[in-house]
Amino acid sequence: MVGASAGIGRALATRAVQAGADVVLVGRRQERLDDVVAQAAGGHPVVADIADADACRSLIATAVDTLGAIDALVVCSGASGFGMVRNATQEDWRSVFDINVIGPALVTAAALPHLAPGAFVGYLSSESVGRPRHGLVPYSASKAALEETIRGWRVEHPEVRFCCVCVGATLGTEFGRDLDPALAASLFRSWIAHGHMAQTMMDVEDVGEALLEVVSSALAHPGIDLQAVTLRPPGGLIDGGVESMLETLAENQPAEQA
């Protein structure tokens, strides 16, 4: 489980361990991984930054030493900067592509020789792909590149089941944790005006539970290639109420930030 220290990855990892799975928990922050192990009462923490190519290879080597063959690889890590595309620097672009595209590709390449027959490989994408919005263009572009990479993996390795999980607005993640309130208000007004914001948002714990059910179902049915799943909140779109949305987001940010 890559990206197990926070957000959706943490929710999924915790439930997987509690359900009896033997899980290697990968994240950048030791203390956060230790919290996951304590909460789940199990799991094998591995500190690694998938923006580093050597770390991608090393974490898979550690996983194989710990688990043997890999039944499921789920990449939940993600980077998202906020700002207009005209202002994006080379470092801004590099950061989101390193974490959202290149890292997952290198982790997958390292894992391929160690995947068990019928293994499931899943990646989290975003509903913003194909519908770019103000302030999130590099992020959306990186997720679009991730989705094309997933299709490429299927072409070159049809024996492996690769799944793209498109996730909509979710509360309780670290997405937007460093977003300036003034910029947030401006962006949200734009997103509402362009029909990008739903009236409700999903809860991170619910999303983690749903993803566990997806992975469990895929492993229970190795004869079915589950290629795409979309999780998004029900209901219509917001037509106002930016301030209340900001308050809701602030109230649901994780208490610990690192």
Protein backbone atom coordinates (compact mmCIF):
# COMPACT_ATOMS: atom_id res chain seq x y z
CA MET A 1 0.00 0.00 0.00
CA VAL A 2 1.78 3.13 -1.23
CA GLY A 3 0.59 6.35 0.40
CA ALA A 4 -0.63 4.65 3.58
CA SER A 5 0.24 7.40 6.04
CA ALA A 6 -2.62 9.82 5.33
CA GLY A 7 -6.01 10.36 3.73
CA ILE A 8 -7.63 7.69 1.60
CA GLY A 9 -4.53 5.50 1.66
CA ARG A 10 -4.51 5.48 5.45
CA ALA A 11 -8.23 4.67 5.63
CA LEU A 12 -7.81 1.79 3.18
CA ALA A 13 -4.63 0.46 4.80
CA THR A 14 -6.14 0.51 8.29
CA ARG A 15 -9.21 -1.42 7.18
CA ALA A 16 -7.18 -3.91 5.18
CA VAL A 17 -5.01 -4.77 8.18
CA GLN A 18 -8.04 -4.99 10.48
CA ALA A 19 -9.68 -7.34 7.96
CA GLY A 20 -6.73 -9.71 8.28
CA ALA A 21 -4.57 -8.75 5.30
CA ASP A 22 -0.79 -8.75 5.62
CA VAL A 23 0.04 -5.24 4.44
CA VAL A 24 3.24 -3.31 3.82
CA LEU A 25 2.47 0.33 4.62
CA VAL A 26 4.50 2.80 2.59
CA GLY A 27 4.71 6.51 3.37
CA ARG A 28 7.15 9.39 3.75
CA ARG A 29 6.64 10.01 7.47
CA GLN A 30 7.70 7.45 10.07
CA GLU A 31 5.56 8.90 12.86
CA ARG A 32 2.44 8.82 10.71
CA LEU A 33 3.10 5.22 9.71
CA ASP A 34 3.60 4.29 13.36
CA ASP A 35 0.18 5.83 14.07
CA VAL A 36 -1.37 3.68 11.35
CA VAL A 37 0.23 0.53 12.74
CA ALA A 38 -1.06 1.40 16.21
CA GLN A 39 -4.56 2.16 14.95
CA ALA A 40 -4.76 -0.94 12.78
CA ALA A 41 -2.95 -3.16 15.30
CA GLY A 42 -0.68 -4.48 12.57
CA GLY A 43 1.05 -3.84 9.28
CA HIS A 44 4.66 -3.41 8.22
CA PRO A 45 5.76 0.26 7.96
CA VAL A 46 8.25 1.23 5.24
CA VAL A 47 9.44 4.82 4.96
CA ALA A 48 9.97 5.79 1.32
CA ASP A 49 9.49 8.76 -0.99
CA ILE A 50 8.38 7.59 -4.43
CA ALA A 51 9.78 10.78 -5.94
CA ASP A 52 13.12 8.97 -5.55
CA ALA A 53 13.79 6.19 -8.08
CA ASP A 54 15.99 4.18 -5.70
CA ALA A 55 13.29 4.33 -3.05
CA CYS A 56 10.75 2.89 -5.51
CA ARG A 57 12.93 -0.16 -6.08
CA SER A 58 13.87 -0.48 -2.43
CA LEU A 59 10.31 -0.42 -1.10
CA ILE A 60 9.30 -3.26 -3.41
CA ALA A 61 12.35 -5.27 -2.38
CA THR A 62 11.37 -4.79 1.26
CA ALA A 63 7.77 -5.75 0.49
CA VAL A 64 8.89 -8.96 -1.22
CA ASP A 65 11.21 -9.84 1.66
CA THR A 66 8.31 -9.29 4.05
CA LEU A 67 5.38 -10.77 2.14
CA GLY A 68 6.76 -12.93 -0.64
CA ALA A 69 4.62 -12.67 -3.77
CA ILE A 70 2.43 -9.55 -3.98
CA ASP A 71 -1.32 -10.18 -4.32
CA ALA A 72 -2.31 -6.52 -4.54
CA LEU A 73 -0.48 -3.26 -5.09
CA VAL A 74 -2.47 -0.08 -4.47
CA VAL A 75 -0.92 3.35 -5.08
CA CYS A 76 -2.79 6.04 -3.15
CA SER A 77 -0.05 8.66 -2.90
CA GLY A 78 -0.67 11.99 -4.57
CA ALA A 79 0.65 15.53 -4.81
CA SER A 80 -1.47 18.59 -5.58
CA GLY A 81 -0.37 22.18 -5.82
CA PHE A 82 -2.75 25.10 -6.23
CA GLY A 83 -2.22 28.09 -8.50
CA MET A 84 -2.88 29.33 -11.99
CA VAL A 85 -1.10 27.43 -14.69
CA ARG A 86 0.55 30.61 -15.98
CA ASN A 87 2.36 30.88 -12.65
CA ALA A 88 3.41 27.23 -12.33
CA THR A 89 7.16 26.79 -12.04
CA GLN A 90 9.31 23.95 -13.30
CA GLU A 91 9.46 22.65 -9.74
CA ASP A 92 5.65 22.77 -9.45
CA TRP A 93 5.29 20.65 -12.58
CA ARG A 94 8.08 18.29 -11.57
CA SER A 95 6.64 17.71 -8.11
CA VAL A 96 3.18 16.59 -9.25
CA PHE A 97 4.53 14.45 -12.08
CA ASP A 98 7.17 12.80 -9.86
CA ILE A 99 4.57 11.74 -7.28
CA ASN A 100 1.50 11.20 -9.47
CA VAL A 101 3.02 9.62 -12.59
CA ILE A 102 6.70 8.73 -12.50
CA GLY A 103 6.77 7.28 -8.99
CA PRO A 104 3.78 4.98 -9.55
CA ALA A 105 5.31 3.84 -12.85
CA LEU A 106 8.65 2.99 -11.23
CA VAL A 107 6.99 1.21 -8.31
CA THR A 108 4.91 -0.83 -10.75
CA ALA A 109 7.95 -1.73 -12.84
CA ALA A 110 9.78 -2.94 -9.75
CA ALA A 111 6.76 -4.95 -8.59
CA LEU A 112 5.96 -6.70 -11.89
CA PRO A 113 8.31 -9.69 -11.42
CA HIS A 114 6.88 -10.29 -7.95
CA LEU A 115 3.15 -10.13 -8.63
CA ALA A 116 1.23 -13.29 -7.78
CA PRO A 117 -1.00 -14.86 -10.45
CA GLY A 118 -4.28 -12.93 -10.51
CA ALA A 119 -2.74 -9.93 -8.75
CA PHE A 120 -4.58 -6.61 -8.64
CA VAL A 121 -2.82 -3.27 -9.20
CA GLY A 122 -4.83 -0.13 -8.48
CA TYR A 123 -4.13 3.59 -8.73
CA LEU A 124 -6.10 6.59 -7.50
CA SER A 125 -6.97 9.18 -10.13
CA SER A 126 -9.23 12.24 -10.04
CA GLU A 127 -12.57 13.32 -11.42
CA SER A 128 -10.81 16.50 -12.62
CA VAL A 129 -9.25 14.57 -15.52
CA GLY A 130 -10.95 15.77 -18.70
CA ARG A 131 -12.56 18.65 -16.80
CA PRO A 132 -9.63 20.87 -15.75
CA ARG A 133 -10.43 23.61 -13.30
CA HIS A 134 -8.81 26.88 -12.26
CA GLY A 135 -5.81 26.37 -9.99
CA LEU A 136 -5.47 22.62 -10.56
CA VAL A 137 -4.20 22.29 -14.13
CA PRO A 138 -0.80 20.67 -13.34
CA TYR A 139 -2.50 18.23 -10.95
CA SER A 140 -5.19 17.30 -13.49
CA ALA A 141 -2.57 16.97 -16.24
CA SER A 142 -0.54 14.59 -14.07
CA LYS A 143 -3.57 12.44 -13.32
CA ALA A 144 -4.42 12.34 -17.04
CA ALA A 145 -0.87 11.15 -17.67
CA LEU A 146 -1.30 8.53 -14.94
CA GLU A 147 -4.45 7.22 -16.63
CA GLU A 148 -2.69 6.96 -19.99
CA THR A 149 0.18 5.14 -18.28
CA ILE A 150 -2.30 2.65 -16.81
CA ARG A 151 -3.67 1.98 -20.29
CA GLY A 152 -0.09 1.49 -21.46
CA TRP A 153 0.58 -1.06 -18.74
CA ARG A 154 -2.46 -3.02 -19.91
CA VAL A 155 -1.16 -3.06 -23.49
CA GLU A 156 2.31 -4.27 -22.53
CA HIS A 157 1.24 -6.60 -19.71
CA PRO A 158 -2.26 -7.94 -20.43
CA GLU A 159 -1.66 -10.75 -17.92
CA VAL A 160 -1.90 -8.22 -15.05
CA ARG A 161 -5.11 -6.53 -13.93
CA PHE A 162 -4.55 -2.77 -13.73
CA CYS A 163 -7.37 -0.65 -12.32
CA CYS A 164 -7.90 3.12 -12.39
CA VAL A 165 -9.96 4.36 -9.45
CA CYS A 166 -11.38 7.83 -10.12
CA VAL A 167 -12.17 9.60 -6.85
CA GLY A 168 -14.39 12.64 -6.40
CA ALA A 169 -14.51 15.25 -3.62
CA THR A 170 -13.59 13.71 -0.28
CA LEU A 171 -13.42 15.26 3.20
CA GLY A 172 -10.73 14.28 5.68
CA THR A 173 -7.77 14.08 3.31
CA GLU A 174 -4.75 16.36 3.11
CA PHE A 175 -5.79 17.67 -0.28
CA GLY A 176 -5.65 21.45 -0.07
CA ARG A 177 -4.23 21.49 3.45
CA ASP A 178 -1.89 24.40 2.62
CA LEU A 179 -4.36 26.31 0.45
CA ASP A 180 -4.54 30.01 1.32
CA PRO A 181 -8.13 30.92 2.36
CA ALA A 182 -8.30 33.88 -0.01
CA LEU A 183 -7.12 31.78 -2.94
CA ALA A 184 -9.47 28.99 -1.87
CA ALA A 185 -12.47 31.35 -1.96
CA SER A 186 -11.51 32.56 -5.43
CA LEU A 187 -10.97 29.05 -6.77
CA PHE A 188 -14.17 27.67 -5.26
CA ARG A 189 -16.23 30.48 -6.78
CA SER A 190 -14.75 29.60 -10.15
CA TRP A 191 -15.35 25.87 -9.68
CA ILE A 192 -18.97 26.49 -8.68
CA ALA A 193 -19.51 28.80 -11.65
CA HIS A 194 -18.20 26.12 -14.01
CA GLY A 195 -20.18 23.29 -12.43
CA HIS A 196 -17.29 21.48 -10.78
CA MET A 197 -18.45 21.19 -7.16
CA ALA A 198 -21.02 18.75 -5.83
CA GLN A 199 -23.42 19.64 -3.04
CA THR A 200 -22.00 16.90 -0.83
CA MET A 201 -18.58 15.39 -0.25
CA MET A 202 -17.60 11.84 0.59
CA ASP A 203 -16.07 10.89 3.93
CA VAL A 204 -12.51 9.56 3.76
CA GLU A 205 -13.35 6.59 5.99
CA ASP A 206 -16.25 5.60 3.75
CA VAL A 207 -14.02 5.85 0.69
CA GLY A 208 -11.38 3.68 2.36
CA GLU A 209 -13.98 1.04 3.16
CA ALA A 210 -15.38 1.13 -0.37
CA LEU A 211 -11.88 0.71 -1.82
CA LEU A 212 -11.23 -2.28 0.41
CA GLU A 213 -14.39 -3.85 -0.97
CA VAL A 214 -13.17 -3.16 -4.52
CA VAL A 215 -9.79 -4.78 -3.89
CA SER A 216 -11.33 -7.71 -2.02
CA SER A 217 -13.85 -8.32 -4.79
CA ALA A 218 -11.13 -8.20 -7.45
CA LEU A 219 -9.00 -10.73 -5.57
CA ALA A 220 -12.03 -12.98 -5.02
CA HIS A 221 -12.73 -13.02 -8.78
CA PRO A 222 -9.40 -13.39 -10.61
CA GLY A 223 -11.24 -14.21 -13.82
CA ILE A 224 -12.67 -10.68 -14.02
CA ASP A 225 -10.55 -7.74 -15.15
CA LEU A 226 -11.82 -4.77 -13.16
CA GLN A 227 -10.35 -1.88 -15.13
CA ALA A 228 -12.12 1.24 -13.89
CA VAL A 229 -14.04 2.33 -10.80
CA THR A 230 -15.51 5.77 -10.11
CA LEU A 231 -16.34 6.98 -6.61
CA ARG A 232 -18.05 10.34 -6.33
CA PRO A 233 -20.57 11.94 -3.97
CA PRO A 234 -24.27 11.69 -4.85
CA GLY A 235 -26.50 14.67 -5.46
CA GLY A 236 -26.43 17.76 -7.61
CA LEU A 237 -23.98 20.62 -7.98
CA ILE A 238 -23.45 23.62 -5.72
CA ASP A 239 -24.89 26.89 -6.98
CA GLY A 240 -23.63 29.07 -4.11
CA GLY A 241 -22.39 29.02 -0.54
CA VAL A 242 -18.63 29.41 -0.92
CA GLU A 243 -18.18 30.53 2.67
CA SER A 244 -20.00 27.52 4.09
CA MET A 245 -17.93 25.25 1.87
CA LEU A 246 -14.72 26.83 3.22
CA GLU A 247 -15.92 26.28 6.77
CA THR A 248 -16.75 22.65 6.03
CA LEU A 249 -13.31 22.02 4.51
CA ALA A 250 -11.55 23.69 7.44
CA GLU A 251 -13.52 21.63 9.96
CA ASN A 252 -12.66 18.37 8.19
CA GLN A 253 -8.93 18.84 7.66
CA PRO A 254 -6.86 16.26 9.56
CA ALA A 255 -5.92 17.47 13.04
CA GLU A 256 -2.26 16.53 12.51
CA GLN A 257 -0.36 18.07 9.66
CA ALA A 258 3.21 17.28 8.75
